[in-house]
């Protein structure tokens, strides 16, 4: 059986055993490479991909292939690749993260040599307590060993000695006799070390989107989303609170354009035309939201703007996004389920958007312009405009319309 067939079979088996992780795996790019001795997660643009060593893969039993795939998927799902650089001791963090995720892999699927919390039972570690907890425990064990010659756990002493000496594996004792344990390195994770804060957020957003889609697909197929993943998604979906009262703004601004929606009501007769269903009429605002995508607007400011746009959409209005630096770069309806690709990053001009707005007043209730305010406008808008300046920007009262600044 070829490597591709083997990977396909392992993916199907994982899908059958745990549908969520099967769907998660489908959505990731996978490559064969000799850059890694076993398997690992590597960088693919602003996303992750699974890198697998062909020789290593071919020697694994089928059940361990499933465990290996789930192991790497758990690293991604738990955001370990962005968290590890927050720990001063990366080597200890590698062990702590493997100690955390391997608890979610059944013993029969866990590849030989993996970090197993049961091998360190004399440390009295809490189960499924999170990598920060295990990191702190490992750090304390390392300090105890340095002071006393032992941390109180023979197996942990051996693991720490191997880590200090730069070994790849150590031999520890187990219920069935001595066994060899690999010291995790996660070499491919170094690709993510120099990412900017904005790039890290983009990758994390991609992971959150994939996790959400995998969960939705699992539910559609009448599968069960793992409890720990469900809790993680609920935590991730706690969106930052708005920095402005958008609901009150939408109520106050009833501009020149609203959309009219009609819905047939079967339970209510039409008073004008007998035997016909009644109609429910609802007015809905359609707002034009402009984003200044010039080079002076930082990635963090763009993230701030997108958070506010999300809350505007939650107020029940239709939203069209227009991006502009010196010229209009894109005009598209807002979809909260998709990541918005940013276009522009050149100079700054407000006039193109205001000219477009004046020419299309019938389409939109009002215009909200998100910017750092580092420009002026010569075009006078013919309908309401709200200028929203970022939290880091300086106030610019010369802009034509109402100006607010986002505050914490």
Protein backbone atom coordinates (compact mmCIF):
# COMPACT_ATOMS: atom_id res chain seq x y z
CA UNK A 1 0.00 0.00 0.00
CA UNK A 2 1.41 3.42 -0.97
CA UNK A 3 2.01 6.18 1.56
CA UNK A 4 -0.98 8.11 0.17
CA UNK A 5 -3.23 5.07 0.53
CA UNK A 6 -1.95 4.52 4.05
CA UNK A 7 -2.68 8.13 4.95
CA UNK A 8 -6.10 7.90 3.32
CA UNK A 9 -6.95 4.76 5.29
CA UNK A 10 -5.74 6.30 8.57
CA UNK A 11 -7.85 9.40 7.86
CA UNK A 12 -10.95 7.27 7.21
CA UNK A 13 -10.33 5.23 10.34
CA UNK A 14 -9.99 8.45 12.35
CA UNK A 15 -13.18 9.78 10.76
CA UNK A 16 -15.01 6.58 11.71
CA UNK A 17 -13.63 6.54 15.25
CA UNK A 18 -13.82 10.27 16.01
CA UNK A 19 -15.63 12.25 13.28
CA UNK A 20 -14.61 15.66 14.59
CA UNK A 21 -10.89 14.97 14.22
CA UNK A 22 -11.55 13.35 10.84
CA UNK A 23 -13.20 16.52 9.53
CA UNK A 24 -10.46 18.62 11.13
CA UNK A 25 -7.80 16.58 9.33
CA UNK A 26 -9.55 16.92 5.95
CA UNK A 27 -9.36 20.72 6.19
CA UNK A 28 -5.57 20.76 6.71
CA UNK A 29 -2.91 20.61 4.02
CA UNK A 30 -0.61 17.59 4.36
CA UNK A 31 2.91 17.16 2.95
CA UNK A 32 5.59 14.46 2.91
CA UNK A 33 9.03 15.69 3.92
CA UNK A 34 12.36 14.53 5.32
CA UNK A 35 12.78 17.80 7.26
CA UNK A 36 11.14 16.16 10.26
CA UNK A 37 12.25 12.83 11.75
CA UNK A 38 8.68 11.76 12.56
CA UNK A 39 5.79 14.17 12.01
CA UNK A 40 4.94 17.69 13.01
CA UNK A 41 2.99 20.85 12.31
CA UNK A 42 4.64 23.35 9.97
CA UNK A 43 3.77 26.74 8.52
CA UNK A 44 1.73 27.13 5.34
CA UNK A 45 1.16 30.83 4.63
CA UNK A 46 -1.11 32.06 7.43
CA UNK A 47 -2.20 28.54 8.22
CA UNK A 48 -0.87 25.26 9.57
CA UNK A 49 -0.08 22.10 7.67
CA UNK A 50 0.80 18.56 8.69
CA UNK A 51 4.33 17.45 7.74
CA UNK A 52 5.05 13.70 7.81
CA UNK A 53 8.27 11.76 7.35
CA UNK A 54 7.55 9.01 4.84
CA UNK A 55 10.00 6.44 6.28
CA UNK A 56 8.74 6.94 9.82
CA UNK A 57 5.12 6.73 8.70
CA UNK A 58 5.67 3.48 6.83
CA UNK A 59 7.06 1.73 9.94
CA UNK A 60 4.14 2.69 12.21
CA UNK A 61 1.37 0.17 13.02
CA UNK A 62 -2.06 1.26 11.74
CA UNK A 63 -3.43 2.12 15.18
CA UNK A 64 -0.41 4.29 15.96
CA UNK A 65 -0.88 6.20 12.70
CA UNK A 66 -4.32 7.22 13.92
CA UNK A 67 -2.86 8.28 17.27
CA UNK A 68 -0.10 10.26 15.56
CA UNK A 69 -2.60 12.20 13.45
CA UNK A 70 -4.75 12.99 16.45
CA UNK A 71 -1.68 14.03 18.44
CA UNK A 72 -0.71 16.68 15.87
CA UNK A 73 -4.31 17.85 15.48
CA UNK A 74 -4.57 18.35 19.24
CA UNK A 75 -1.47 20.55 19.23
CA UNK A 76 -3.20 22.79 16.68
CA UNK A 77 -6.62 22.72 18.36
CA UNK A 78 -5.11 23.68 21.72
CA UNK A 79 -3.17 26.59 20.10
CA UNK A 80 0.13 25.20 21.37
CA UNK A 81 2.16 26.61 18.48
CA UNK A 82 1.37 30.18 19.45
CA UNK A 83 1.45 29.55 23.20
CA UNK A 84 4.86 27.90 23.45
CA UNK A 85 6.76 31.15 22.87
CA UNK A 86 5.11 32.59 25.96
CA UNK A 87 6.96 30.06 28.14
CA UNK A 88 10.54 30.96 29.17
CA UNK A 89 11.70 27.32 28.99
CA UNK A 90 10.62 25.96 25.61
CA UNK A 91 12.00 22.48 26.31
CA UNK A 92 9.85 22.06 29.40
CA UNK A 93 6.89 23.51 27.52
CA UNK A 94 7.29 20.85 24.82
CA UNK A 95 6.98 18.12 27.44
CA UNK A 96 4.09 19.88 29.22
CA UNK A 97 2.12 20.18 25.98
CA UNK A 98 2.63 16.52 25.07
CA UNK A 99 1.70 15.58 28.62
CA UNK A 100 -1.55 17.50 28.19
CA UNK A 101 -2.74 16.28 24.78
CA UNK A 102 -1.70 12.63 25.05
CA UNK A 103 -4.32 12.20 27.76
CA UNK A 104 -6.94 12.60 25.02
CA UNK A 105 -5.53 9.67 23.00
CA UNK A 106 -6.51 6.10 23.94
CA UNK A 107 -3.60 3.91 25.04
CA UNK A 108 -3.93 1.54 22.07
CA UNK A 109 -3.49 4.46 19.63
CA UNK A 110 -0.74 6.38 21.43
CA UNK A 111 2.53 5.79 19.51
CA UNK A 112 5.33 4.08 21.44
CA UNK A 113 7.65 6.50 23.18
CA UNK A 114 5.02 9.17 23.71
CA UNK A 115 4.85 11.15 26.96
CA UNK A 116 2.32 9.41 29.19
CA UNK A 117 1.23 11.07 32.44
CA UNK A 118 0.69 7.64 34.01
CA UNK A 119 4.46 7.06 33.97
CA UNK A 120 4.82 9.89 36.50
CA UNK A 121 2.06 8.86 38.89
CA UNK A 122 4.32 9.50 41.91
CA UNK A 123 4.15 13.23 41.07
CA UNK A 124 0.40 13.17 41.83
CA UNK A 125 -0.46 15.30 38.79
CA UNK A 126 -4.03 16.41 38.10
CA UNK A 127 -5.60 14.97 34.95
CA UNK A 128 -6.37 17.15 31.92
CA UNK A 129 -5.31 20.24 33.80
CA UNK A 130 -3.81 22.23 30.91
CA UNK A 131 -0.25 22.78 29.70
CA UNK A 132 0.35 25.77 32.01
CA UNK A 133 -0.33 23.55 35.03
CA UNK A 134 2.06 20.84 33.78
CA UNK A 135 4.70 23.40 32.87
CA UNK A 136 4.64 24.82 36.41
CA UNK A 137 4.88 21.31 37.87
CA UNK A 138 7.81 20.43 35.61
CA UNK A 139 9.56 23.68 36.46
CA UNK A 140 9.18 22.95 40.17
CA UNK A 141 10.47 19.40 39.65
CA UNK A 142 13.50 20.75 37.82
CA UNK A 143 14.25 23.17 40.67
CA UNK A 144 13.78 20.44 43.30
CA UNK A 145 16.14 18.14 41.42
CA UNK A 146 18.75 20.86 41.16
CA UNK A 147 18.62 21.51 44.91
CA UNK A 148 18.13 17.97 46.26
CA UNK A 149 19.47 15.74 43.49
CA UNK A 150 15.99 14.33 42.88
CA UNK A 151 12.49 15.66 42.37
CA UNK A 152 10.98 12.64 44.13
CA UNK A 153 10.02 10.84 40.91
CA UNK A 154 12.64 8.44 39.45
CA UNK A 155 11.12 8.55 35.98
CA UNK A 156 10.93 12.34 35.98
CA UNK A 157 14.54 12.50 37.18
CA UNK A 158 15.57 10.45 34.14
CA UNK A 159 13.49 12.60 31.80
CA UNK A 160 14.99 15.82 33.18
CA UNK A 161 18.52 14.37 32.96
CA UNK A 162 17.95 13.45 29.32
CA UNK A 163 16.58 16.90 28.62
CA UNK A 164 19.61 18.55 30.24
CA UNK A 165 22.04 16.37 28.28
CA UNK A 166 20.30 16.96 24.95
CA UNK A 167 19.25 13.34 24.47
CA UNK A 168 16.49 12.39 22.06
CA UNK A 169 15.24 9.46 24.15
CA UNK A 170 15.51 8.17 27.71
CA UNK A 171 14.73 4.80 29.29
CA UNK A 172 12.29 4.89 32.20
CA UNK A 173 10.49 2.27 34.23
CA UNK A 174 6.94 1.22 33.48
CA UNK A 175 4.34 -1.31 34.70
CA UNK A 176 5.50 -3.81 32.06
CA UNK A 177 9.22 -3.12 32.49
CA UNK A 178 11.62 -0.51 31.15
CA UNK A 179 10.59 1.45 28.07
CA UNK A 180 12.07 4.11 25.85
CA UNK A 181 10.48 7.57 25.88
CA UNK A 182 11.11 10.25 23.28
CA UNK A 183 11.84 13.78 24.44
CA UNK A 184 9.61 16.02 22.29
CA UNK A 185 11.30 18.80 20.33
CA UNK A 186 8.70 20.14 17.87
CA UNK A 187 11.43 21.52 15.60
CA UNK A 188 9.03 22.81 12.93
CA UNK A 189 7.41 25.11 15.47
CA UNK A 190 10.40 27.45 15.20
CA UNK A 191 8.85 28.70 11.95
CA UNK A 192 6.22 30.49 14.03
CA UNK A 193 8.59 32.18 16.50
CA UNK A 194 9.14 35.44 14.62
CA UNK A 195 5.51 36.06 13.67
CA UNK A 196 4.11 39.48 14.52
CA UNK A 197 1.20 39.72 16.94
CA UNK A 198 -1.14 40.45 14.03
CA UNK A 199 0.09 37.40 12.08
CA UNK A 200 -0.42 35.20 15.14
CA UNK A 201 -3.98 36.48 15.45
CA UNK A 202 -4.65 35.74 11.79
CA UNK A 203 -3.42 32.16 12.16
CA UNK A 204 -5.42 31.70 15.35
CA UNK A 205 -8.51 32.98 13.55
CA UNK A 206 -7.91 30.45 10.78
CA UNK A 207 -7.71 27.65 13.35
CA UNK A 208 -10.85 28.87 15.08
CA UNK A 209 -12.68 28.88 11.73
CA UNK A 210 -11.52 25.33 10.93
CA UNK A 211 -12.48 24.08 14.39
CA UNK A 212 -15.92 25.65 14.04
CA UNK A 213 -16.49 24.16 10.59
CA UNK A 214 -15.32 20.73 11.75
CA UNK A 215 -17.72 20.93 14.69
CA UNK A 216 -20.61 21.95 12.40
CA UNK A 217 -19.88 19.10 9.99
CA UNK A 218 -19.70 16.65 12.88
CA UNK A 219 -23.11 17.71 14.19
CA UNK A 220 -24.62 17.53 10.67
CA UNK A 221 -23.44 13.92 10.40
CA UNK A 222 -24.98 13.25 13.81
CA UNK A 223 -21.58 12.84 15.41
CA UNK A 224 -20.46 14.17 18.78
CA UNK A 225 -18.06 17.05 19.26
CA UNK A 226 -15.54 16.20 22.04
CA UNK A 227 -16.39 17.96 25.28
CA UNK A 228 -13.01 19.64 25.61
CA UNK A 229 -13.27 21.02 22.05
CA UNK A 230 -16.82 22.24 22.69
CA UNK A 231 -15.65 24.13 25.77
CA UNK A 232 -12.75 25.59 23.79
CA UNK A 233 -15.07 26.80 21.02
CA UNK A 234 -17.45 28.37 23.52
CA UNK A 235 -14.53 30.23 25.07
CA UNK A 236 -13.22 31.38 21.67
CA UNK A 237 -16.65 32.62 20.63
CA UNK A 238 -16.77 35.06 23.54
CA UNK A 239 -16.25 38.11 21.37
CA UNK A 240 -14.66 41.26 22.74
CA UNK A 241 -17.27 43.74 23.92
CA UNK A 242 -18.05 46.70 21.61
CA UNK A 243 -16.36 50.01 22.37
CA UNK A 244 -19.36 52.02 21.18
CA UNK A 245 -23.14 51.76 21.63
CA UNK A 246 -23.90 50.51 18.12
CA UNK A 247 -27.41 49.37 19.00
CA UNK A 248 -28.31 52.87 20.16
CA UNK A 249 -26.65 54.36 17.07
CA UNK A 250 -28.66 52.13 14.74
CA UNK A 251 -31.90 53.13 16.49
CA UNK A 252 -31.11 56.85 16.19
CA UNK A 253 -29.91 56.79 12.59
CA UNK A 254 -32.84 56.24 10.28
CA UNK A 255 -31.35 57.54 7.08
CA UNK A 256 -32.68 57.83 3.57
CA UNK A 257 -32.51 54.15 2.75
CA UNK A 258 -33.94 51.05 4.35
CA UNK A 259 -34.70 47.65 2.89
CA UNK A 260 -38.26 46.36 3.11
CA UNK A 261 -38.74 42.66 3.87
CA UNK A 262 -42.09 40.93 3.52
CA UNK A 263 -42.97 37.54 4.95
CA UNK A 264 -46.10 35.52 4.24
CA UNK A 265 -48.08 34.54 7.31
CA UNK A 266 -50.21 31.45 6.75
CA UNK A 267 -52.00 31.80 10.08
CA UNK A 268 -53.20 35.33 9.31
CA UNK A 269 -55.66 36.21 6.54
CA UNK A 270 -55.02 39.04 4.16
CA UNK A 271 -57.72 41.62 4.93
CA UNK A 272 -57.57 43.14 1.47
CA UNK A 273 -57.55 39.93 -0.55
CA UNK A 274 -59.52 37.07 0.96
CA UNK A 275 -58.10 33.53 0.89
CA UNK A 276 -54.56 34.96 0.58
CA UNK A 277 -51.97 34.80 3.38
CA UNK A 278 -51.23 37.91 5.39
CA UNK A 279 -47.95 39.78 5.05
CA UNK A 280 -45.53 40.86 7.75
CA UNK A 281 -43.54 43.96 6.74
CA UNK A 282 -40.18 44.70 8.36
CA UNK A 283 -37.83 47.63 7.74
CA UNK A 284 -34.11 46.85 7.79
CA UNK A 285 -31.22 49.29 7.60
CA UNK A 286 -28.42 48.85 5.09
CA UNK A 287 -25.21 50.47 6.28
CA UNK A 288 -22.04 51.17 4.30
CA UNK A 289 -18.97 50.54 6.46
CA UNK A 290 -15.71 51.91 5.10
CA UNK A 291 -12.32 50.63 6.25
CA UNK A 292 -9.21 52.76 5.80
CA UNK A 293 -6.65 50.19 4.56
CA UNK A 294 -3.81 52.64 4.09
CA UNK A 295 -0.31 51.84 5.34
CA UNK A 296 -0.69 54.15 8.35
CA UNK A 297 -3.40 51.87 9.80
CA UNK A 298 -1.76 49.07 11.78
CA UNK A 299 -2.86 45.44 11.81
CA UNK A 300 -3.97 45.85 15.42
CA UNK A 301 -6.20 48.78 14.42
CA UNK A 302 -7.72 46.68 11.63
CA UNK A 303 -8.48 43.96 14.19
CA UNK A 304 -10.13 46.61 16.36
CA UNK A 305 -12.26 47.79 13.43
CA UNK A 306 -13.33 44.24 12.52
CA UNK A 307 -14.48 43.62 16.08
CA UNK A 308 -16.72 46.70 15.96
CA UNK A 309 -18.07 45.74 12.53
CA UNK A 310 -19.05 42.36 13.92
CA UNK A 311 -21.10 44.07 16.64
CA UNK A 312 -22.78 46.38 14.10
CA UNK A 313 -23.85 43.33 12.11
CA UNK A 314 -25.22 41.74 15.31
CA UNK A 315 -27.60 44.72 15.64
CA UNK A 316 -29.64 43.28 12.76
CA UNK A 317 -28.56 45.56 9.91
CA UNK A 318 -27.32 44.69 6.45
CA UNK A 319 -23.67 45.62 6.05
CA UNK A 320 -21.59 46.35 2.97
CA UNK A 321 -17.83 46.72 3.43
CA UNK A 322 -15.89 49.15 1.26
CA UNK A 323 -12.08 49.16 1.52
CA UNK A 324 -10.03 52.14 0.40
CA UNK A 325 -6.51 53.55 0.62
CA UNK A 326 -6.01 56.12 -2.17
CA UNK A 327 -8.64 54.35 -4.31
CA UNK A 328 -11.51 51.99 -3.62
CA UNK A 329 -10.10 48.46 -3.47
CA UNK A 330 -13.22 46.36 -2.86
CA UNK A 331 -16.94 46.57 -2.17
CA UNK A 332 -18.55 43.42 -0.78
CA UNK A 333 -21.29 42.27 1.60
CA UNK A 334 -20.12 41.44 5.10
CA UNK A 335 -20.07 37.75 6.02
CA UNK A 336 -19.22 37.14 9.71
CA UNK A 337 -18.35 33.50 8.96
CA UNK A 338 -15.52 34.41 6.59
CA UNK A 339 -12.22 36.14 7.19
CA UNK A 340 -12.06 39.48 5.39
CA UNK A 341 -9.07 39.77 3.06
CA UNK A 342 -7.49 43.22 3.43
CA UNK A 343 -6.78 45.13 0.20
CA UNK A 344 -4.69 48.28 -0.07
CA UNK A 345 -1.91 49.39 2.34
CA UNK A 346 -0.92 52.41 0.22
CA UNK A 347 -1.57 56.11 0.91
CA UNK A 348 -4.76 57.66 2.31
CA UNK A 349 -7.68 59.34 0.54
CA UNK A 350 -11.21 59.71 1.95
CA UNK A 351 -12.77 61.34 -1.14
CA UNK A 352 -13.28 58.16 -3.25
CA UNK A 353 -15.53 56.61 -0.61
CA UNK A 354 -17.48 59.83 -0.02
CA UNK A 355 -18.02 60.25 -3.77
CA UNK A 356 -19.27 56.67 -4.02
CA UNK A 357 -21.55 57.24 -1.01
CA UNK A 358 -23.04 60.43 -2.50
CA UNK A 359 -23.70 58.60 -5.78
CA UNK A 360 -25.47 55.72 -4.04
CA UNK A 361 -27.52 57.36 -1.30
CA UNK A 362 -30.58 55.26 -2.08
CA UNK A 363 -28.70 52.07 -1.22
CA UNK A 364 -27.48 52.92 2.27
CA UNK A 365 -28.88 54.19 5.56
CA UNK A 366 -25.62 55.80 6.58
CA UNK A 367 -21.85 55.61 6.22
CA UNK A 368 -19.51 54.60 9.05
CA UNK A 369 -15.85 55.23 8.23
CA UNK A 370 -13.22 53.37 10.29
CA UNK A 371 -9.86 55.13 10.12
CA UNK A 372 -6.89 56.47 12.05
CA UNK A 373 -7.94 59.95 10.91
CA UNK A 374 -4.60 60.77 9.29
CA UNK A 375 -6.11 62.64 6.33
CA UNK A 376 -8.65 65.30 5.30
CA UNK A 377 -11.57 65.34 2.89
CA UNK A 378 -12.61 67.85 0.25
CA UNK A 379 -15.93 66.11 -0.54
CA UNK A 380 -18.99 67.05 1.49
CA UNK A 381 -21.22 64.02 2.22
CA UNK A 382 -24.92 64.45 1.37
CA UNK A 383 -26.14 62.07 4.11
CA UNK A 384 -25.08 61.03 7.65
CA UNK A 385 -21.48 59.95 8.19
CA UNK A 386 -19.93 58.67 11.41
CA UNK A 387 -16.13 58.74 11.54
CA UNK A 388 -14.75 56.10 13.92
CA UNK A 389 -11.14 56.68 14.94
CA UNK A 390 -9.05 53.88 16.39
CA UNK A 391 -8.14 53.80 20.04
CA UNK A 392 -4.51 54.72 19.23
CA UNK A 393 -5.28 57.60 16.88
CA UNK A 394 -5.38 61.34 17.54
CA UNK A 395 -8.71 63.17 17.38
CA UNK A 396 -9.51 64.86 14.05
CA UNK A 397 -12.51 67.20 14.39
CA UNK A 398 -12.17 68.58 10.85
CA UNK A 399 -13.73 65.52 9.23
CA UNK A 400 -17.19 66.16 7.66
CA UNK A 401 -19.66 64.50 10.01
CA UNK A 402 -19.75 63.21 13.56
CA UNK A 403 -16.40 61.94 14.87
CA UNK A 404 -15.90 59.49 17.72
CA UNK A 405 -12.84 57.72 19.08
CA UNK A 406 -12.94 54.13 20.29
CA UNK A 407 -12.08 53.83 23.96
CA UNK A 408 -11.59 50.89 26.33
